[in-house]
Amino acid sequence: MAADGHLVFRYEDGVVALIEANPGGYQLKGEFKPASVNGKAWAHPVIAGKRLYLRDQDELHCYDIGAGS
């Protein structure tokens, strides 16, 4: 998904990456692995109201991504 000039990408192993949307090349800005990953992570990340939501099988993770968080 795209937000504020960046791509939020979730790999199948659960790792979430923040990538600068730059036509000049791949620029990884940061990444993290959620507290729990129950199998393959196929659900897409969602951003709504300065929060990042990640579904993991029967769990929902919510991260505050607002400025100054």
N, C-alpha and C. Protein backbone atom coordinates (compact mmCIF):
# COMPACT_ATOMS: atom_id res chain seq x y z
N MET A 1 0.82 -1.16 0.00
CA MET A 1 0.00 0.00 0.00
C MET A 1 0.88 1.23 0.00
N ALA A 2 0.36 2.36 -0.42
CA ALA A 2 1.12 3.60 -0.49
C ALA A 2 0.53 4.63 0.47
N ALA A 3 1.43 5.39 1.14
CA ALA A 3 1.00 6.45 2.06
C ALA A 3 2.14 7.44 2.26
N ASP A 4 1.84 8.72 2.11
CA ASP A 4 2.81 9.79 2.38
C ASP A 4 4.16 9.59 1.67
N GLY A 5 4.13 9.20 0.42
CA GLY A 5 5.35 9.04 -0.36
C GLY A 5 6.15 7.80 -0.04
N HIS A 6 5.52 6.85 0.64
CA HIS A 6 6.19 5.60 0.99
C HIS A 6 5.30 4.41 0.64
N LEU A 7 5.91 3.25 0.55
CA LEU A 7 5.19 2.00 0.38
C LEU A 7 5.29 1.24 1.69
N VAL A 8 4.19 0.67 2.13
CA VAL A 8 4.19 -0.22 3.29
C VAL A 8 3.99 -1.62 2.71
N PHE A 9 4.99 -2.47 2.90
CA PHE A 9 4.99 -3.79 2.28
C PHE A 9 5.09 -4.84 3.36
N ARG A 10 4.30 -5.88 3.25
CA ARG A 10 4.36 -6.99 4.21
C ARG A 10 4.80 -8.24 3.47
N TYR A 11 5.91 -8.79 3.92
CA TYR A 11 6.43 -10.01 3.34
C TYR A 11 5.66 -11.22 3.86
N GLU A 12 5.73 -12.32 3.16
CA GLU A 12 5.03 -13.54 3.54
C GLU A 12 5.46 -14.04 4.92
N ASP A 13 6.69 -13.73 5.35
CA ASP A 13 7.16 -14.16 6.67
C ASP A 13 6.71 -13.23 7.79
N GLY A 14 5.90 -12.19 7.46
CA GLY A 14 5.34 -11.30 8.45
C GLY A 14 6.07 -9.98 8.61
N VAL A 15 7.30 -9.87 8.13
CA VAL A 15 8.06 -8.63 8.25
C VAL A 15 7.36 -7.52 7.48
N VAL A 16 7.26 -6.34 8.12
CA VAL A 16 6.65 -5.16 7.51
C VAL A 16 7.76 -4.17 7.20
N ALA A 17 7.81 -3.68 5.96
CA ALA A 17 8.87 -2.77 5.54
C ALA A 17 8.27 -1.43 5.10
N LEU A 18 8.99 -0.36 5.42
CA LEU A 18 8.65 0.98 4.93
C LEU A 18 9.68 1.32 3.87
N ILE A 19 9.21 1.54 2.65
CA ILE A 19 10.08 1.75 1.51
C ILE A 19 9.75 3.10 0.88
N GLU A 20 10.75 3.91 0.64
CA GLU A 20 10.51 5.20 -0.01
C GLU A 20 10.07 4.96 -1.44
N ALA A 21 8.97 5.61 -1.83
CA ALA A 21 8.46 5.49 -3.20
C ALA A 21 9.29 6.41 -4.09
N ASN A 22 10.35 5.86 -4.63
CA ASN A 22 11.33 6.63 -5.38
C ASN A 22 11.61 5.91 -6.70
N PRO A 23 11.33 6.55 -7.84
CA PRO A 23 11.58 5.89 -9.12
C PRO A 23 13.07 5.64 -9.38
N GLY A 24 13.93 6.28 -8.61
CA GLY A 24 15.38 6.10 -8.79
C GLY A 24 15.92 4.82 -8.20
N GLY A 25 15.13 4.15 -7.35
CA GLY A 25 15.61 2.89 -6.80
C GLY A 25 14.99 2.58 -5.44
N TYR A 26 15.25 1.37 -4.99
CA TYR A 26 14.73 0.85 -3.73
C TYR A 26 15.46 1.48 -2.56
N GLN A 27 14.73 2.10 -1.63
CA GLN A 27 15.34 2.69 -0.45
C GLN A 27 14.53 2.27 0.78
N LEU A 28 15.03 1.27 1.49
CA LEU A 28 14.39 0.78 2.70
C LEU A 28 14.58 1.79 3.81
N LYS A 29 13.49 2.26 4.41
CA LYS A 29 13.55 3.24 5.49
C LYS A 29 13.50 2.57 6.86
N GLY A 30 12.94 1.38 6.93
CA GLY A 30 12.85 0.64 8.19
C GLY A 30 11.99 -0.59 8.03
N GLU A 31 12.09 -1.48 9.02
CA GLU A 31 11.26 -2.69 8.99
C GLU A 31 11.10 -3.23 10.41
N PHE A 32 10.07 -4.04 10.60
CA PHE A 32 9.86 -4.70 11.89
C PHE A 32 9.04 -5.96 11.68
N LYS A 33 9.10 -6.84 12.67
CA LYS A 33 8.30 -8.06 12.65
C LYS A 33 7.31 -7.97 13.80
N PRO A 34 6.01 -8.11 13.52
CA PRO A 34 5.00 -8.04 14.59
C PRO A 34 5.28 -9.07 15.69
N ALA A 35 4.70 -8.83 16.84
CA ALA A 35 4.91 -9.69 18.01
C ALA A 35 4.53 -11.15 17.75
N SER A 36 3.52 -11.36 16.93
CA SER A 36 3.15 -12.74 16.60
C SER A 36 2.93 -12.86 15.10
N VAL A 37 3.39 -13.98 14.57
CA VAL A 37 3.15 -14.33 13.17
C VAL A 37 2.72 -15.79 13.17
N ASN A 38 1.47 -16.03 12.80
CA ASN A 38 0.89 -17.38 12.85
C ASN A 38 0.77 -17.96 11.46
N GLY A 39 1.87 -18.39 10.90
CA GLY A 39 1.85 -18.93 9.54
C GLY A 39 2.20 -17.84 8.54
N LYS A 40 1.83 -18.05 7.31
CA LYS A 40 2.15 -17.10 6.25
C LYS A 40 1.28 -15.85 6.37
N ALA A 41 1.89 -14.70 6.21
CA ALA A 41 1.20 -13.41 6.33
C ALA A 41 0.74 -12.96 4.95
N TRP A 42 -0.51 -13.25 4.63
CA TRP A 42 -1.02 -12.92 3.31
C TRP A 42 -1.94 -11.70 3.32
N ALA A 43 -2.42 -11.30 4.48
CA ALA A 43 -3.33 -10.15 4.53
C ALA A 43 -2.55 -8.85 4.29
N HIS A 44 -3.14 -7.95 3.53
CA HIS A 44 -2.50 -6.68 3.21
C HIS A 44 -2.56 -5.72 4.39
N PRO A 45 -1.53 -4.90 4.59
CA PRO A 45 -1.60 -3.88 5.63
C PRO A 45 -2.62 -2.80 5.26
N VAL A 46 -3.19 -2.18 6.29
CA VAL A 46 -4.17 -1.12 6.10
C VAL A 46 -3.79 0.06 6.98
N ILE A 47 -3.86 1.28 6.45
CA ILE A 47 -3.65 2.48 7.24
C ILE A 47 -4.96 3.26 7.26
N ALA A 48 -5.39 3.61 8.47
CA ALA A 48 -6.60 4.42 8.64
C ALA A 48 -6.43 5.27 9.90
N GLY A 49 -6.62 6.57 9.76
CA GLY A 49 -6.57 7.45 10.92
C GLY A 49 -5.27 7.41 11.69
N LYS A 50 -4.13 7.43 11.02
CA LYS A 50 -2.80 7.42 11.64
C LYS A 50 -2.51 6.12 12.40
N ARG A 51 -3.17 5.05 11.98
CA ARG A 51 -2.92 3.74 12.58
C ARG A 51 -2.68 2.71 11.47
N LEU A 52 -1.74 1.82 11.73
CA LEU A 52 -1.43 0.73 10.82
C LEU A 52 -2.08 -0.53 11.40
N TYR A 53 -2.89 -1.20 10.58
CA TYR A 53 -3.55 -2.42 11.01
C TYR A 53 -2.98 -3.60 10.23
N LEU A 54 -2.66 -4.67 10.98
CA LEU A 54 -2.16 -5.89 10.38
C LEU A 54 -2.98 -7.06 10.90
N ARG A 55 -3.59 -7.80 9.99
CA ARG A 55 -4.34 -9.00 10.40
C ARG A 55 -3.40 -10.19 10.29
N ASP A 56 -3.46 -11.03 11.32
CA ASP A 56 -2.64 -12.25 11.34
C ASP A 56 -3.52 -13.40 11.78
N GLN A 57 -4.05 -14.13 10.79
CA GLN A 57 -5.00 -15.22 11.04
C GLN A 57 -6.17 -14.68 11.87
N ASP A 58 -6.29 -15.06 13.15
CA ASP A 58 -7.42 -14.60 13.97
C ASP A 58 -7.03 -13.47 14.92
N GLU A 59 -5.93 -12.78 14.67
CA GLU A 59 -5.48 -11.66 15.48
C GLU A 59 -5.44 -10.39 14.64
N LEU A 60 -5.62 -9.25 15.31
CA LEU A 60 -5.50 -7.96 14.64
C LEU A 60 -4.53 -7.11 15.45
N HIS A 61 -3.47 -6.64 14.80
CA HIS A 61 -2.47 -5.78 15.44
C HIS A 61 -2.73 -4.35 14.97
N CYS A 62 -2.60 -3.40 15.90
CA CYS A 62 -2.80 -1.99 15.59
C CYS A 62 -1.60 -1.21 16.10
N TYR A 63 -1.01 -0.38 15.21
CA TYR A 63 0.17 0.41 15.55
C TYR A 63 -0.11 1.88 15.29
N ASP A 64 0.21 2.73 16.26
CA ASP A 64 0.07 4.18 16.11
C ASP A 64 1.24 4.68 15.28
N ILE A 65 0.98 5.24 14.12
CA ILE A 65 2.05 5.70 13.24
C ILE A 65 1.99 7.21 13.02
N GLY A 66 1.27 7.92 13.89
CA GLY A 66 1.18 9.37 13.79
C GLY A 66 2.52 10.02 14.11
N ALA A 67 2.72 11.23 13.65
CA ALA A 67 3.96 11.97 13.92
C ALA A 67 4.17 12.09 15.42
N GLY A 68 5.40 11.85 15.86
CA GLY A 68 5.75 11.95 17.26
C GLY A 68 5.38 10.73 18.08
N SER A 69 4.96 9.65 17.41
CA SER A 69 4.56 8.44 18.13
C SER A 69 5.77 7.72 18.68
